Amino acid sequence: MDLDSRYRDIDKAEYQFDDGRKATYRRRRFLPGAAAMATLTRVTVEEGDRLDLLTAANLGNPEHYWQVCDANDVLDPNQLEIVGRRVRVPIPKV
């Protein structure tokens, strides 16, 4: 599994179908809770801002947008692209 993945620390499980086939999957991932995350900075969303670009500028990797979502208790990334919204950017996970 990719070390940058939000699922890297989630346990694997296995399901066995009635016909004997098995499927491996990751268990459900819950939001970690923004209150427990340290803040790196806060950004006010401006016209034309996109979450991947804000994440790249502040965390150095656009694929880490999920960390910004976690820091704002948001499941839908589109909620963080509303002009005027203050978005909390966490100290990145290593």
PDB file of N, CA and C in Angstrom:
ATOM      1  N   MET A   1       0.850  -1.180   0.000  1.00  0.00           N
ATOM      2  CA  MET A   1       0.000   0.000   0.000  1.00  0.00           C
ATOM      3  C   MET A   1       0.890   1.236   0.000  1.00  0.00           C
ATOM      4  N   ASP A   2       0.442   2.223  -0.714  1.00  0.00           N
ATOM      5  CA  ASP A   2       1.135   3.499  -0.807  1.00  0.00           C
ATOM      6  C   ASP A   2       1.220   4.152   0.576  1.00  0.00           C
ATOM      7  N   LEU A   3       2.403   4.581   0.974  1.00  0.00           N
ATOM      8  CA  LEU A   3       2.588   5.198   2.285  1.00  0.00           C
ATOM      9  C   LEU A   3       1.872   6.539   2.407  1.00  0.00           C
ATOM     10  N   ASP A   4       1.496   7.155   1.283  1.00  0.00           N
ATOM     11  CA  ASP A   4       0.761   8.412   1.301  1.00  0.00           C
ATOM     12  C   ASP A   4      -0.752   8.199   1.413  1.00  0.00           C
ATOM     13  N   SER A   5      -1.179   6.970   1.363  1.00  0.00           N
ATOM     14  CA  SER A   5      -2.608   6.673   1.362  1.00  0.00           C
ATOM     15  C   SER A   5      -3.258   6.929   2.711  1.00  0.00           C
ATOM     16  N   ARG A   6      -4.471   7.432   2.675  1.00  0.00           N
ATOM     17  CA  ARG A   6      -5.222   7.633   3.917  1.00  0.00           C
ATOM     18  C   ARG A   6      -5.630   6.306   4.535  1.00  0.00           C
ATOM     19  N   TYR A   7      -5.508   5.227   3.795  1.00  0.00           N
ATOM     20  CA  TYR A   7      -5.904   3.907   4.285  1.00  0.00           C
ATOM     21  C   TYR A   7      -4.726   3.076   4.793  1.00  0.00           C
ATOM     22  N   ARG A   8      -3.532   3.647   4.810  1.00  0.00           N
ATOM     23  CA  ARG A   8      -2.335   2.875   5.153  1.00  0.00           C
ATOM     24  C   ARG A   8      -2.381   2.256   6.546  1.00  0.00           C
ATOM     25  N   ASP A   9      -3.044   2.903   7.494  1.00  0.00           N
ATOM     26  CA  ASP A   9      -3.093   2.393   8.864  1.00  0.00           C
ATOM     27  C   ASP A   9      -4.367   1.610   9.173  1.00  0.00           C
ATOM     28  N   ILE A  10      -5.194   1.393   8.165  1.00  0.00           N
ATOM     29  CA  ILE A  10      -6.457   0.680   8.360  1.00  0.00           C
ATOM     30  C   ILE A  10      -6.213  -0.822   8.203  1.00  0.00           C
ATOM     31  N   ASP A  11      -6.740  -1.584   9.139  1.00  0.00           N
ATOM     32  CA  ASP A  11      -6.560  -3.037   9.109  1.00  0.00           C
ATOM     33  C   ASP A  11      -7.239  -3.661   7.902  1.00  0.00           C
ATOM     34  N   LYS A  12      -6.664  -4.779   7.467  1.00  0.00           N
ATOM     35  CA  LYS A  12      -7.274  -5.568   6.410  1.00  0.00           C
ATOM     36  C   LYS A  12      -8.208  -6.584   7.046  1.00  0.00           C
ATOM     37  N   ALA A  13      -9.187  -6.986   6.275  1.00  0.00           N
ATOM     38  CA  ALA A  13     -10.100  -8.037   6.705  1.00  0.00           C
ATOM     39  C   ALA A  13     -10.356  -8.941   5.498  1.00  0.00           C
ATOM     40  N   GLU A  14     -10.947 -10.074   5.773  1.00  0.00           N
ATOM     41  CA  GLU A  14     -11.227 -11.007   4.685  1.00  0.00           C
ATOM     42  C   GLU A  14     -12.670 -11.476   4.786  1.00  0.00           C
ATOM     43  N   TYR A  15     -13.320 -11.542   3.651  1.00  0.00           N
ATOM     44  CA  TYR A  15     -14.691 -12.021   3.591  1.00  0.00           C
ATOM     45  C   TYR A  15     -14.699 -13.291   2.767  1.00  0.00           C
ATOM     46  N   GLN A  16     -15.382 -14.319   3.263  1.00  0.00           N
ATOM     47  CA  GLN A  16     -15.496 -15.561   2.505  1.00  0.00           C
ATOM     48  C   GLN A  16     -16.929 -15.703   2.010  1.00  0.00           C
ATOM     49  N   PHE A  17     -17.052 -15.836   0.703  1.00  0.00           N
ATOM     50  CA  PHE A  17     -18.357 -16.024   0.079  1.00  0.00           C
ATOM     51  C   PHE A  17     -18.833 -17.459   0.302  1.00  0.00           C
ATOM     52  N   ASP A  18     -20.126 -17.703   0.094  1.00  0.00           N
ATOM     53  CA  ASP A  18     -20.704 -19.039   0.282  1.00  0.00           C
ATOM     54  C   ASP A  18     -20.042 -20.087  -0.601  1.00  0.00           C
ATOM     55  N   ASP A  19     -19.557 -19.669  -1.776  1.00  0.00           N
ATOM     56  CA  ASP A  19     -18.936 -20.626  -2.704  1.00  0.00           C
ATOM     57  C   ASP A  19     -17.453 -20.852  -2.407  1.00  0.00           C
ATOM     58  N   GLY A  20     -16.948 -20.259  -1.315  1.00  0.00           N
ATOM     59  CA  GLY A  20     -15.563 -20.474  -0.908  1.00  0.00           C
ATOM     60  C   GLY A  20     -14.583 -19.408  -1.368  1.00  0.00           C
ATOM     61  N   ARG A  21     -14.989 -18.561  -2.305  1.00  0.00           N
ATOM     62  CA  ARG A  21     -14.095 -17.486  -2.739  1.00  0.00           C
ATOM     63  C   ARG A  21     -13.867 -16.526  -1.578  1.00  0.00           C
ATOM     64  N   LYS A  22     -12.687 -15.904  -1.586  1.00  0.00           N
ATOM     65  CA  LYS A  22     -12.349 -14.944  -0.530  1.00  0.00           C
ATOM     66  C   LYS A  22     -12.021 -13.595  -1.149  1.00  0.00           C
ATOM     67  N   ALA A  23     -12.376 -12.557  -0.419  1.00  0.00           N
ATOM     68  CA  ALA A  23     -12.065 -11.190  -0.849  1.00  0.00           C
ATOM     69  C   ALA A  23     -11.427 -10.455   0.327  1.00  0.00           C
ATOM     70  N   THR A  24     -10.290  -9.838   0.063  1.00  0.00           N
ATOM     71  CA  THR A  24      -9.614  -9.044   1.084  1.00  0.00           C
ATOM     72  C   THR A  24     -10.001  -7.588   0.889  1.00  0.00           C
ATOM     73  N   TYR A  25     -10.226  -6.896   1.982  1.00  0.00           N
ATOM     74  CA  TYR A  25     -10.617  -5.493   1.909  1.00  0.00           C
ATOM     75  C   TYR A  25     -10.082  -4.752   3.131  1.00  0.00           C
ATOM     76  N   ARG A  26     -10.122  -3.446   3.059  1.00  0.00           N
ATOM     77  CA  ARG A  26      -9.742  -2.611   4.195  1.00  0.00           C
ATOM     78  C   ARG A  26     -11.001  -2.314   4.996  1.00  0.00           C
ATOM     79  N   ARG A  27     -10.868  -2.288   6.294  1.00  0.00           N
ATOM     80  CA  ARG A  27     -12.007  -1.958   7.146  1.00  0.00           C
ATOM     81  C   ARG A  27     -12.374  -0.484   6.946  1.00  0.00           C
ATOM     82  N   ARG A  28     -13.488  -0.082   7.466  1.00  0.00           N
ATOM     83  CA  ARG A  28     -13.974   1.286   7.311  1.00  0.00           C
ATOM     84  C   ARG A  28     -13.029   2.286   7.963  1.00  0.00           C
ATOM     85  N   ARG A  29     -12.839   3.408   7.291  1.00  0.00           N
ATOM     86  CA  ARG A  29     -12.018   4.487   7.832  1.00  0.00           C
ATOM     87  C   ARG A  29     -12.932   5.568   8.385  1.00  0.00           C
ATOM     88  N   PHE A  30     -12.703   5.949   9.635  1.00  0.00           N
ATOM     89  CA  PHE A  30     -13.468   7.015  10.256  1.00  0.00           C
ATOM     90  C   PHE A  30     -12.624   8.279  10.296  1.00  0.00           C
ATOM     91  N   LEU A  31     -13.269   9.423  10.236  1.00  0.00           N
ATOM     92  CA  LEU A  31     -12.537  10.685  10.370  1.00  0.00           C
ATOM     93  C   LEU A  31     -11.859  10.706  11.735  1.00  0.00           C
ATOM     94  N   PRO A  32     -10.599  11.130  11.783  1.00  0.00           N
ATOM     95  CA  PRO A  32      -9.854  11.095  13.038  1.00  0.00           C
ATOM     96  C   PRO A  32     -10.274  12.155  14.062  1.00  0.00           C
ATOM     97  N   GLY A  33     -10.981  13.171  13.629  1.00  0.00           N
ATOM     98  CA  GLY A  33     -11.384  14.233  14.551  1.00  0.00           C
ATOM     99  C   GLY A  33     -10.419  15.402  14.471  1.00  0.00           C
ATOM    100  N   ALA A  34     -10.885  16.484  13.924  1.00  0.00           N
ATOM    101  CA  ALA A  34     -10.051  17.659  13.679  1.00  0.00           C
ATOM    102  C   ALA A  34      -9.465  18.241  14.958  1.00  0.00           C
ATOM    103  N   ALA A  35     -10.185  18.147  16.054  1.00  0.00           N
ATOM    104  CA  ALA A  35      -9.725  18.746  17.315  1.00  0.00           C
ATOM    105  C   ALA A  35      -8.399  18.161  17.777  1.00  0.00           C
ATOM    106  N   ALA A  36      -8.112  16.939  17.388  1.00  0.00           N
ATOM    107  CA  ALA A  36      -6.880  16.278  17.817  1.00  0.00           C
ATOM    108  C   ALA A  36      -5.695  16.564  16.890  1.00  0.00           C
ATOM    109  N   MET A  37      -5.933  17.288  15.807  1.00  0.00           N
ATOM    110  CA  MET A  37      -4.881  17.536  14.819  1.00  0.00           C
ATOM    111  C   MET A  37      -4.265  18.921  15.028  1.00  0.00           C
ATOM    112  N   ALA A  38      -2.946  18.981  14.961  1.00  0.00           N
ATOM    113  CA  ALA A  38      -2.241  20.255  15.094  1.00  0.00           C
ATOM    114  C   ALA A  38      -2.371  21.057  13.793  1.00  0.00           C
ATOM    115  N   THR A  39      -2.561  22.361  13.917  1.00  0.00           N
ATOM    116  CA  THR A  39      -2.749  23.232  12.756  1.00  0.00           C
ATOM    117  C   THR A  39      -1.423  23.826  12.292  1.00  0.00           C
ATOM    118  N   LEU A  40      -1.186  23.719  10.983  1.00  0.00           N
ATOM    119  CA  LEU A  40      -0.023  24.342  10.366  1.00  0.00           C
ATOM    120  C   LEU A  40      -0.353  25.797  10.017  1.00  0.00           C
ATOM    121  N   THR A  41      -1.505  26.001   9.370  1.00  0.00           N
ATOM    122  CA  THR A  41      -1.942  27.334   8.960  1.00  0.00           C
ATOM    123  C   THR A  41      -3.436  27.305   8.666  1.00  0.00           C
ATOM    124  N   ARG A  42      -3.989  28.461   8.420  1.00  0.00           N
ATOM    125  CA  ARG A  42      -5.377  28.591   7.968  1.00  0.00           C
ATOM    126  C   ARG A  42      -5.348  29.414   6.681  1.00  0.00           C
ATOM    127  N   VAL A  43      -6.181  29.021   5.750  1.00  0.00           N
ATOM    128  CA  VAL A  43      -6.214  29.662   4.438  1.00  0.00           C
ATOM    129  C   VAL A  43      -7.647  30.089   4.152  1.00  0.00           C
ATOM    130  N   THR A  44      -7.814  31.301   3.626  1.00  0.00           N
ATOM    131  CA  THR A  44      -9.139  31.757   3.190  1.00  0.00           C
ATOM    132  C   THR A  44      -9.264  31.450   1.703  1.00  0.00           C
ATOM    133  N   VAL A  45     -10.297  30.724   1.335  1.00  0.00           N
ATOM    134  CA  VAL A  45     -10.508  30.320  -0.055  1.00  0.00           C
ATOM    135  C   VAL A  45     -10.911  31.536  -0.884  1.00  0.00           C
ATOM    136  N   GLU A  46     -10.220  31.695  -2.004  1.00  0.00           N
ATOM    137  CA  GLU A  46     -10.502  32.791  -2.928  1.00  0.00           C
ATOM    138  C   GLU A  46     -11.053  32.231  -4.235  1.00  0.00           C
ATOM    139  N   GLU A  47     -11.632  33.095  -5.042  1.00  0.00           N
ATOM    140  CA  GLU A  47     -12.180  32.687  -6.338  1.00  0.00           C
ATOM    141  C   GLU A  47     -11.119  31.936  -7.139  1.00  0.00           C
ATOM    142  N   GLY A  48     -11.476  30.785  -7.662  1.00  0.00           N
ATOM    143  CA  GLY A  48     -10.563  29.995  -8.482  1.00  0.00           C
ATOM    144  C   GLY A  48      -9.698  29.021  -7.706  1.00  0.00           C
ATOM    145  N   ASP A  49      -9.707  29.095  -6.380  1.00  0.00           N
ATOM    146  CA  ASP A  49      -8.915  28.149  -5.581  1.00  0.00           C
ATOM    147  C   ASP A  49      -9.491  26.742  -5.708  1.00  0.00           C
ATOM    148  N   ARG A  50      -8.589  25.788  -5.711  1.00  0.00           N
ATOM    149  CA  ARG A  50      -8.969  24.376  -5.702  1.00  0.00           C
ATOM    150  C   ARG A  50      -8.238  23.712  -4.549  1.00  0.00           C
ATOM    151  N   LEU A  51      -8.867  22.711  -3.972  1.00  0.00           N
ATOM    152  CA  LEU A  51      -8.289  22.050  -2.810  1.00  0.00           C
ATOM    153  C   LEU A  51      -6.948  21.407  -3.125  1.00  0.00           C
ATOM    154  N   ASP A  52      -6.806  20.804  -4.290  1.00  0.00           N
ATOM    155  CA  ASP A  52      -5.533  20.172  -4.629  1.00  0.00           C
ATOM    156  C   ASP A  52      -4.411  21.201  -4.720  1.00  0.00           C
ATOM    157  N   LEU A  53      -4.713  22.397  -5.235  1.00  0.00           N
ATOM    158  CA  LEU A  53      -3.696  23.442  -5.342  1.00  0.00           C
ATOM    159  C   LEU A  53      -3.356  24.028  -3.969  1.00  0.00           C
ATOM    160  N   LEU A  54      -4.375  24.217  -3.119  1.00  0.00           N
ATOM    161  CA  LEU A  54      -4.118  24.693  -1.756  1.00  0.00           C
ATOM    162  C   LEU A  54      -3.258  23.678  -0.991  1.00  0.00           C
ATOM    163  N   THR A  55      -3.563  22.414  -1.195  1.00  0.00           N
ATOM    164  CA  THR A  55      -2.815  21.358  -0.512  1.00  0.00           C
ATOM    165  C   THR A  55      -1.383  21.296  -1.019  1.00  0.00           C
ATOM    166  N   ALA A  56      -1.203  21.394  -2.320  1.00  0.00           N
ATOM    167  CA  ALA A  56       0.152  21.381  -2.888  1.00  0.00           C
ATOM    168  C   ALA A  56       0.970  22.553  -2.358  1.00  0.00           C
ATOM    169  N   ALA A  57       0.354  23.727  -2.288  1.00  0.00           N
ATOM    170  CA  ALA A  57       1.061  24.926  -1.834  1.00  0.00           C
ATOM    171  C   ALA A  57       1.429  24.856  -0.357  1.00  0.00           C
ATOM    172  N   ASN A  58       0.596  24.204   0.449  1.00  0.00           N
ATOM    173  CA  ASN A  58       0.817  24.203   1.889  1.00  0.00           C
ATOM    174  C   ASN A  58       1.438  22.920   2.434  1.00  0.00           C
ATOM    175  N   LEU A  59       1.178  21.793   1.771  1.00  0.00           N
ATOM    176  CA  LEU A  59       1.724  20.512   2.248  1.00  0.00           C
ATOM    177  C   LEU A  59       2.730  19.903   1.284  1.00  0.00           C
ATOM    178  N   GLY A  60       2.823  20.477   0.083  1.00  0.00           N
ATOM    179  CA  GLY A  60       3.810  20.000  -0.876  1.00  0.00           C
ATOM    180  C   GLY A  60       3.362  18.839  -1.741  1.00  0.00           C
ATOM    181  N   ASN A  61       2.134  18.359  -1.557  1.00  0.00           N
ATOM    182  CA  ASN A  61       1.642  17.229  -2.339  1.00  0.00           C
ATOM    183  C   ASN A  61       0.129  17.361  -2.513  1.00  0.00           C
ATOM    184  N   PRO A  62      -0.343  17.547  -3.755  1.00  0.00           N
ATOM    185  CA  PRO A  62      -1.777  17.731  -3.970  1.00  0.00           C
ATOM    186  C   PRO A  62      -2.611  16.508  -3.595  1.00  0.00           C
ATOM    187  N   GLU A  63      -1.991  15.339  -3.575  1.00  0.00           N
ATOM    188  CA  GLU A  63      -2.714  14.106  -3.243  1.00  0.00           C
ATOM    189  C   GLU A  63      -2.990  13.974  -1.748  1.00  0.00           C
ATOM    190  N   HIS A  64      -2.468  14.893  -0.964  1.00  0.00           N
ATOM    191  CA  HIS A  64      -2.718  14.861   0.484  1.00  0.00           C
ATOM    192  C   HIS A  64      -3.918  15.723   0.876  1.00  0.00           C
ATOM    193  N   TYR A  65      -4.771  16.024  -0.094  1.00  0.00           N
ATOM    194  CA  TYR A  65      -5.970  16.826   0.169  1.00  0.00           C
ATOM    195  C   TYR A  65      -6.816  16.214   1.285  1.00  0.00           C
ATOM    196  N   TRP A  66      -6.752  14.901   1.417  1.00  0.00           N
ATOM    197  CA  TRP A  66      -7.553  14.208   2.437  1.00  0.00           C
ATOM    198  C   TRP A  66      -7.143  14.618   3.846  1.00  0.00           C
ATOM    199  N   GLN A  67      -5.883  15.013   4.032  1.00  0.00           N
ATOM    200  CA  GLN A  67      -5.462  15.485   5.350  1.00  0.00           C
ATOM    201  C   GLN A  67      -6.137  16.820   5.688  1.00  0.00           C
ATOM    202  N   VAL A  68      -6.310  17.666   4.672  1.00  0.00           N
ATOM    203  CA  VAL A  68      -7.004  18.940   4.876  1.00  0.00           C
ATOM    204  C   VAL A  68      -8.477  18.667   5.173  1.00  0.00           C
ATOM    205  N   CYS A  69      -9.066  17.712   4.464  1.00  0.00           N
ATOM    206  CA  CYS A  69     -10.461  17.331   4.744  1.00  0.00           C
ATOM    207  C   CYS A  69     -10.592  16.852   6.190  1.00  0.00           C
ATOM    208  N   ASP A  70      -9.674  15.984   6.625  1.00  0.00           N
ATOM    209  CA  ASP A  70      -9.707  15.476   8.001  1.00  0.00           C
ATOM    210  C   ASP A  70      -9.611  16.616   9.012  1.00  0.00           C
ATOM    211  N   ALA A  71      -8.749  17.584   8.736  1.00  0.00           N
ATOM    212  CA  ALA A  71      -8.522  18.696   9.667  1.00  0.00           C
ATOM    213  C   ALA A  71      -9.729  19.632   9.769  1.00  0.00           C
ATOM    214  N   ASN A  72     -10.666  19.489   8.830  1.00  0.00           N
ATOM    215  CA  ASN A  72     -11.858  20.328   8.834  1.00  0.00           C
ATOM    216  C   ASN A  72     -13.136  19.511   9.060  1.00  0.00           C
ATOM    217  N   ASP A  73     -12.975  18.243   9.466  1.00  0.00           N
ATOM    218  CA  ASP A  73     -14.120  17.337   9.687  1.00  0.00           C
ATOM    219  C   ASP A  73     -15.062  17.316   8.486  1.00  0.00           C
ATOM    220  N   VAL A  74     -14.486  17.176   7.297  1.00  0.00           N
ATOM    221  CA  VAL A  74     -15.250  17.204   6.056  1.00  0.00           C
ATOM    222  C   VAL A  74     -15.038  15.906   5.286  1.00  0.00           C
ATOM    223  N   LEU A  75     -16.127  15.318   4.809  1.00  0.00           N
ATOM    224  CA  LEU A  75     -16.034  14.136   3.941  1.00  0.00           C
ATOM    225  C   LEU A  75     -15.999  14.528   2.466  1.00  0.00           C
ATOM    226  N   ASP A  76     -16.735  15.578   2.100  1.00  0.00           N
ATOM    227  CA  ASP A  76     -16.836  16.023   0.715  1.00  0.00           C
ATOM    228  C   ASP A  76     -15.841  17.159   0.471  1.00  0.00           C
ATOM    229  N   PRO A  77     -14.782  16.916  -0.301  1.00  0.00           N
ATOM    230  CA  PRO A  77     -13.770  17.950  -0.563  1.00  0.00           C
ATOM    231  C   PRO A  77     -14.341  19.234  -1.156  1.00  0.00           C
ATOM    232  N   ASN A  78     -15.454  19.135  -1.873  1.00  0.00           N
ATOM    233  CA  ASN A  78     -16.060  20.333  -2.465  1.00  0.00           C
ATOM    234  C   ASN A  78     -16.494  21.343  -1.409  1.00  0.00           C
ATOM    235  N   GLN A  79     -16.747  20.886  -0.205  1.00  0.00           N
ATOM    236  CA  GLN A  79     -17.143  21.801   0.871  1.00  0.00           C
ATOM    237  C   GLN A  79     -16.013  22.750   1.258  1.00  0.00           C
ATOM    238  N   LEU A  80     -14.786  22.400   0.881  1.00  0.00           N
ATOM    239  CA  LEU A  80     -13.627  23.234   1.235  1.00  0.00           C
ATOM    240  C   LEU A  80     -13.242  24.199   0.117  1.00  0.00           C
ATOM    241  N   GLU A  81     -14.027  24.257  -0.938  1.00  0.00           N
ATOM    242  CA  GLU A  81     -13.723  25.146  -2.059  1.00  0.00           C
ATOM    243  C   GLU A  81     -14.728  26.290  -2.152  1.00  0.00           C
ATOM    244  N   ILE A  82     -15.389  26.599  -1.066  1.00  0.00           N
ATOM    245  CA  ILE A  82     -16.375  27.685  -1.029  1.00  0.00           C
ATOM    246  C   ILE A  82     -15.643  29.004  -0.764  1.00  0.00           C
ATOM    247  N   VAL A  83     -15.804  29.951  -1.680  1.00  0.00           N
ATOM    248  CA  VAL A  83     -15.125  31.246  -1.566  1.00  0.00           C
ATOM    249  C   VAL A  83     -15.457  31.890  -0.221  1.00  0.00           C
ATOM    250  N   GLY A  84     -14.419  32.352   0.460  1.00  0.00           N
ATOM    251  CA  GLY A  84     -14.569  32.999   1.758  1.00  0.00           C
ATOM    252  C   GLY A  84     -14.413  32.054   2.943  1.00  0.00           C
ATOM    253  N   ARG A  85     -14.464  30.759   2.689  1.00  0.00           N
ATOM    254  CA  ARG A  85     -14.332  29.801   3.791  1.00  0.00           C
ATOM    255  C   ARG A  85     -12.901  29.794   4.308  1.00  0.00           C
ATOM    256  N   ARG A  86     -12.761  29.728   5.628  1.00  0.00           N
ATOM    257  CA  ARG A  86     -11.446  29.563   6.269  1.00  0.00           C
ATOM    258  C   ARG A  86     -11.187  28.067   6.389  1.00  0.00           C
ATOM    259  N   VAL A  87     -10.111  27.626   5.775  1.00  0.00           N
ATOM    260  CA  VAL A  87      -9.765  26.211   5.749  1.00  0.00           C
ATOM    261  C   VAL A  87      -8.538  25.982   6.617  1.00  0.00           C
ATOM    262  N   ARG A  88      -8.658  25.053   7.510  1.00  0.00           N
ATOM    263  CA  ARG A  88      -7.546  24.700   8.411  1.00  0.00           C
ATOM    264  C   ARG A  88      -6.661  23.674   7.707  1.00  0.00           C
ATOM    265  N   VAL A  89      -5.364  23.947   7.661  1.00  0.00           N
ATOM    266  CA  VAL A  89      -4.385  23.039   7.076  1.00  0.00           C
ATOM    267  C   VAL A  89      -3.580  22.429   8.218  1.00  0.00           C
ATOM    268  N   PRO A  90      -3.558  21.098   8.328  1.00  0.00           N
ATOM    269  CA  PRO A  90      -2.873  20.465   9.450  1.00  0.00           C
ATOM    270  C   PRO A  90      -1.375  20.318   9.204  1.00  0.00           C
ATOM    271  N   ILE A  91      -0.659  20.101  10.275  1.00  0.00           N
ATOM    272  CA  ILE A  91       0.736  19.681  10.128  1.00  0.00           C
ATOM    273  C   ILE A  91       0.682  18.312   9.466  1.00  0.00           C
ATOM    274  N   PRO A  92       1.404  18.114   8.358  1.00  0.00           N
ATOM    275  CA  PRO A  92       1.259  16.868   7.605  1.00  0.00           C
ATOM    276  C   PRO A  92       1.711  15.635   8.367  1.00  0.00           C
ATOM    277  N   LYS A  93       1.025  14.530   8.082  1.00  0.00           N
ATOM    278  CA  LYS A  93       1.437  13.225   8.608  1.00  0.00           C
ATOM    279  C   LYS A  93       2.618  12.750   7.784  1.00  0.00           C
ATOM    280  N   VAL A  94       3.542  12.116   8.434  1.00  0.00           N
ATOM    281  CA  VAL A  94       4.727  11.622   7.718  1.00  0.00           C
ATOM    282  C   VAL A  94       4.523  10.185   7.322  1.00  0.00           C
TER     283      VAL A  94
END
